[in-house]
Amino acid sequence: MSDVIIDVTTLSALNSALKRILVEFDEDGSTTGELQDAIDRPADRSGLRDRTRDFESGWDDRRSALVEKLTAIQASVESTCTGWLDFDSELANNLTLDASGAAAPVSDV
């Protein structure tokens, strides 16, 4: 049987990074319209402002889809990390030391 090695430190770091990314996407959504307001109507023309509105509208849709997918990935990473930590703790709690000091598993695991 092969050993299973799960790097929970890396999973935990990935989980934190995904949460930060989700916060960034959420905060980015609150700035929609600021660029349009900053552009205003140079030379009394609205072409650039209209293009900016189209871009922001498309980005809002794409960002929303990305947030949905990233949220699912983040939840999976978090549950995997938590599951392995719980599993490891359960195994550690079910080990006993024999007379020589070696670990011996308890029978009901």
C-alpha atoms as a PDB file:
ATOM      1  CA  MET A   1       0.000   0.000   0.000  1.00  0.00           C
ATOM      2  CA  SER A   2       1.344   3.444  -0.909  1.00  0.00           C
ATOM      3  CA  ASP A   3       1.758   6.233   1.576  1.00  0.00           C
ATOM      4  CA  VAL A   4      -0.634   9.142   1.321  1.00  0.00           C
ATOM      5  CA  ILE A   5       1.022  12.471   1.972  1.00  0.00           C
ATOM      6  CA  ILE A   6      -1.199  15.508   2.344  1.00  0.00           C
ATOM      7  CA  ASP A   7       0.571  18.830   2.842  1.00  0.00           C
ATOM      8  CA  VAL A   8      -1.998  20.559   5.041  1.00  0.00           C
ATOM      9  CA  THR A   9       0.221  23.623   5.361  1.00  0.00           C
ATOM     10  CA  THR A  10       0.068  24.148   1.606  1.00  0.00           C
ATOM     11  CA  LEU A  11      -3.682  23.439   1.551  1.00  0.00           C
ATOM     12  CA  SER A  12      -4.198  25.949   4.346  1.00  0.00           C
ATOM     13  CA  ALA A  13      -2.122  28.575   2.517  1.00  0.00           C
ATOM     14  CA  LEU A  14      -4.103  27.913  -0.675  1.00  0.00           C
ATOM     15  CA  ASN A  15      -7.359  28.279   1.251  1.00  0.00           C
ATOM     16  CA  SER A  16      -6.229  31.639   2.669  1.00  0.00           C
ATOM     17  CA  ALA A  17      -5.124  32.848  -0.768  1.00  0.00           C
ATOM     18  CA  LEU A  18      -8.459  31.870  -2.320  1.00  0.00           C
ATOM     19  CA  LYS A  19     -10.324  33.732   0.426  1.00  0.00           C
ATOM     20  CA  ARG A  20      -8.220  36.864  -0.233  1.00  0.00           C
ATOM     21  CA  ILE A  21      -8.926  36.593  -3.966  1.00  0.00           C
ATOM     22  CA  LEU A  22     -12.657  36.341  -3.279  1.00  0.00           C
ATOM     23  CA  VAL A  23     -12.488  39.469  -1.101  1.00  0.00           C
ATOM     24  CA  GLU A  24     -10.646  41.299  -3.902  1.00  0.00           C
ATOM     25  CA  PHE A  25     -13.292  40.300  -6.439  1.00  0.00           C
ATOM     26  CA  ASP A  26     -16.026  41.418  -4.050  1.00  0.00           C
ATOM     27  CA  GLU A  27     -14.361  44.784  -3.440  1.00  0.00           C
ATOM     28  CA  ASP A  28     -13.760  45.207  -7.183  1.00  0.00           C
ATOM     29  CA  GLY A  29     -17.493  44.920  -7.769  1.00  0.00           C
ATOM     30  CA  SER A  30     -18.131  47.960  -5.601  1.00  0.00           C
ATOM     31  CA  THR A  31     -16.060  50.189  -7.926  1.00  0.00           C
ATOM     32  CA  THR A  32     -18.205  49.582 -11.001  1.00  0.00           C
ATOM     33  CA  GLY A  33     -19.143  52.945 -12.427  1.00  0.00           C
ATOM     34  CA  GLU A  34     -16.227  54.872 -10.916  1.00  0.00           C
ATOM     35  CA  LEU A  35     -14.273  54.672 -14.163  1.00  0.00           C
ATOM     36  CA  GLN A  36     -17.258  55.910 -16.143  1.00  0.00           C
ATOM     37  CA  ASP A  37     -17.684  58.816 -13.745  1.00  0.00           C
ATOM     38  CA  ALA A  38     -13.979  59.654 -14.017  1.00  0.00           C
ATOM     39  CA  ILE A  39     -14.122  59.646 -17.832  1.00  0.00           C
ATOM     40  CA  ASP A  40     -17.278  61.740 -17.971  1.00  0.00           C
ATOM     41  CA  ARG A  41     -17.831  63.198 -21.496  1.00  0.00           C
ATOM     42  CA  PRO A  42     -14.574  64.571 -22.895  1.00  0.00           C
ATOM     43  CA  ALA A  43     -15.153  67.093 -25.688  1.00  0.00           C
ATOM     44  CA  ASP A  44     -18.877  66.526 -25.076  1.00  0.00           C
ATOM     45  CA  ARG A  45     -18.637  63.035 -26.610  1.00  0.00           C
ATOM     46  CA  SER A  46     -19.810  59.864 -24.897  1.00  0.00           C
ATOM     47  CA  GLY A  47     -18.067  57.188 -27.005  1.00  0.00           C
ATOM     48  CA  LEU A  48     -15.328  56.390 -24.514  1.00  0.00           C
ATOM     49  CA  ARG A  49     -17.770  56.375 -21.620  1.00  0.00           C
ATOM     50  CA  ASP A  50     -20.081  54.021 -23.543  1.00  0.00           C
ATOM     51  CA  ARG A  51     -17.197  51.638 -24.287  1.00  0.00           C
ATOM     52  CA  THR A  52     -16.196  51.720 -20.639  1.00  0.00           C
ATOM     53  CA  ARG A  53     -19.761  50.879 -19.573  1.00  0.00           C
ATOM     54  CA  ASP A  54     -19.801  47.918 -21.991  1.00  0.00           C
ATOM     55  CA  PHE A  55     -16.463  46.681 -20.660  1.00  0.00           C
ATOM     56  CA  GLU A  56     -17.534  47.023 -17.013  1.00  0.00           C
ATOM     57  CA  SER A  57     -20.808  45.249 -17.709  1.00  0.00           C
ATOM     58  CA  GLY A  58     -19.007  42.327 -19.351  1.00  0.00           C
ATOM     59  CA  TRP A  59     -16.425  42.206 -16.563  1.00  0.00           C
ATOM     60  CA  ASP A  60     -19.191  42.177 -13.927  1.00  0.00           C
ATOM     61  CA  ASP A  61     -20.700  39.101 -15.594  1.00  0.00           C
ATOM     62  CA  ARG A  62     -17.335  37.326 -15.891  1.00  0.00           C
ATOM     63  CA  ARG A  63     -16.336  38.257 -12.347  1.00  0.00           C
ATOM     64  CA  SER A  64     -19.608  36.857 -11.037  1.00  0.00           C
ATOM     65  CA  ALA A  65     -18.980  33.535 -12.804  1.00  0.00           C
ATOM     66  CA  LEU A  66     -15.385  33.451 -11.491  1.00  0.00           C
ATOM     67  CA  VAL A  67     -16.534  34.163  -7.945  1.00  0.00           C
ATOM     68  CA  GLU A  68     -19.001  31.292  -8.153  1.00  0.00           C
ATOM     69  CA  LYS A  69     -16.334  28.851  -9.327  1.00  0.00           C
ATOM     70  CA  LEU A  70     -13.653  30.114  -6.935  1.00  0.00           C
ATOM     71  CA  THR A  71     -16.091  29.860  -4.021  1.00  0.00           C
ATOM     72  CA  ALA A  72     -16.685  26.190  -4.837  1.00  0.00           C
ATOM     73  CA  ILE A  73     -12.937  25.526  -5.136  1.00  0.00           C
ATOM     74  CA  GLN A  74     -12.212  27.357  -1.870  1.00  0.00           C
ATOM     75  CA  ALA A  75     -14.908  25.373  -0.045  1.00  0.00           C
ATOM     76  CA  SER A  76     -13.467  22.110  -1.381  1.00  0.00           C
ATOM     77  CA  VAL A  77      -9.929  23.034  -0.340  1.00  0.00           C
ATOM     78  CA  GLU A  78     -11.128  24.057   3.117  1.00  0.00           C
ATOM     79  CA  SER A  79     -13.158  20.880   3.652  1.00  0.00           C
ATOM     80  CA  THR A  80     -10.260  18.718   2.421  1.00  0.00           C
ATOM     81  CA  CYS A  81      -7.858  20.435   4.810  1.00  0.00           C
ATOM     82  CA  THR A  82     -10.289  20.177   7.734  1.00  0.00           C
ATOM     83  CA  GLY A  83     -11.090  16.556   6.909  1.00  0.00           C
ATOM     84  CA  TRP A  84      -7.430  15.525   6.855  1.00  0.00           C
ATOM     85  CA  LEU A  85      -6.695  17.372  10.096  1.00  0.00           C
ATOM     86  CA  ASP A  86      -9.685  15.705  11.784  1.00  0.00           C
ATOM     87  CA  PHE A  87      -8.694  12.315  10.384  1.00  0.00           C
ATOM     88  CA  ASP A  88      -5.094  12.753  11.570  1.00  0.00           C
ATOM     89  CA  SER A  89      -6.247  13.786  15.059  1.00  0.00           C
ATOM     90  CA  GLU A  90      -8.608  10.826  15.249  1.00  0.00           C
ATOM     91  CA  LEU A  91      -5.839   8.424  14.263  1.00  0.00           C
ATOM     92  CA  ALA A  92      -3.442   9.995  16.769  1.00  0.00           C
ATOM     93  CA  ASN A  93      -6.038   9.713  19.532  1.00  0.00           C
ATOM     94  CA  ASN A  94      -6.539   6.034  18.753  1.00  0.00           C
ATOM     95  CA  LEU A  95      -2.880   5.088  18.999  1.00  0.00           C
ATOM     96  CA  THR A  96      -1.485   3.614  22.201  1.00  0.00           C
ATOM     97  CA  LEU A  97       2.068   2.848  23.216  1.00  0.00           C
ATOM     98  CA  ASP A  98       3.040  -0.766  23.854  1.00  0.00           C
ATOM     99  CA  ALA A  99       5.484  -1.817  26.561  1.00  0.00           C
ATOM    100  CA  SER A 100       8.504  -0.996  24.349  1.00  0.00           C
ATOM    101  CA  GLY A 101       7.234   2.548  23.680  1.00  0.00           C
ATOM    102  CA  ALA A 102       6.238   1.774  20.089  1.00  0.00           C
ATOM    103  CA  ALA A 103       2.888   2.969  18.815  1.00  0.00           C
ATOM    104  CA  ALA A 104       0.246   0.286  18.511  1.00  0.00           C
ATOM    105  CA  PRO A 105      -3.136   0.992  16.941  1.00  0.00           C
ATOM    106  CA  VAL A 106      -6.283   0.477  18.973  1.00  0.00           C
ATOM    107  CA  SER A 107      -8.523  -2.146  17.366  1.00  0.00           C
ATOM    108  CA  ASP A 108     -11.740  -0.170  16.576  1.00  0.00           C
ATOM    109  CA  VAL A 109     -10.386   2.324  14.019  1.00  0.00           C
END
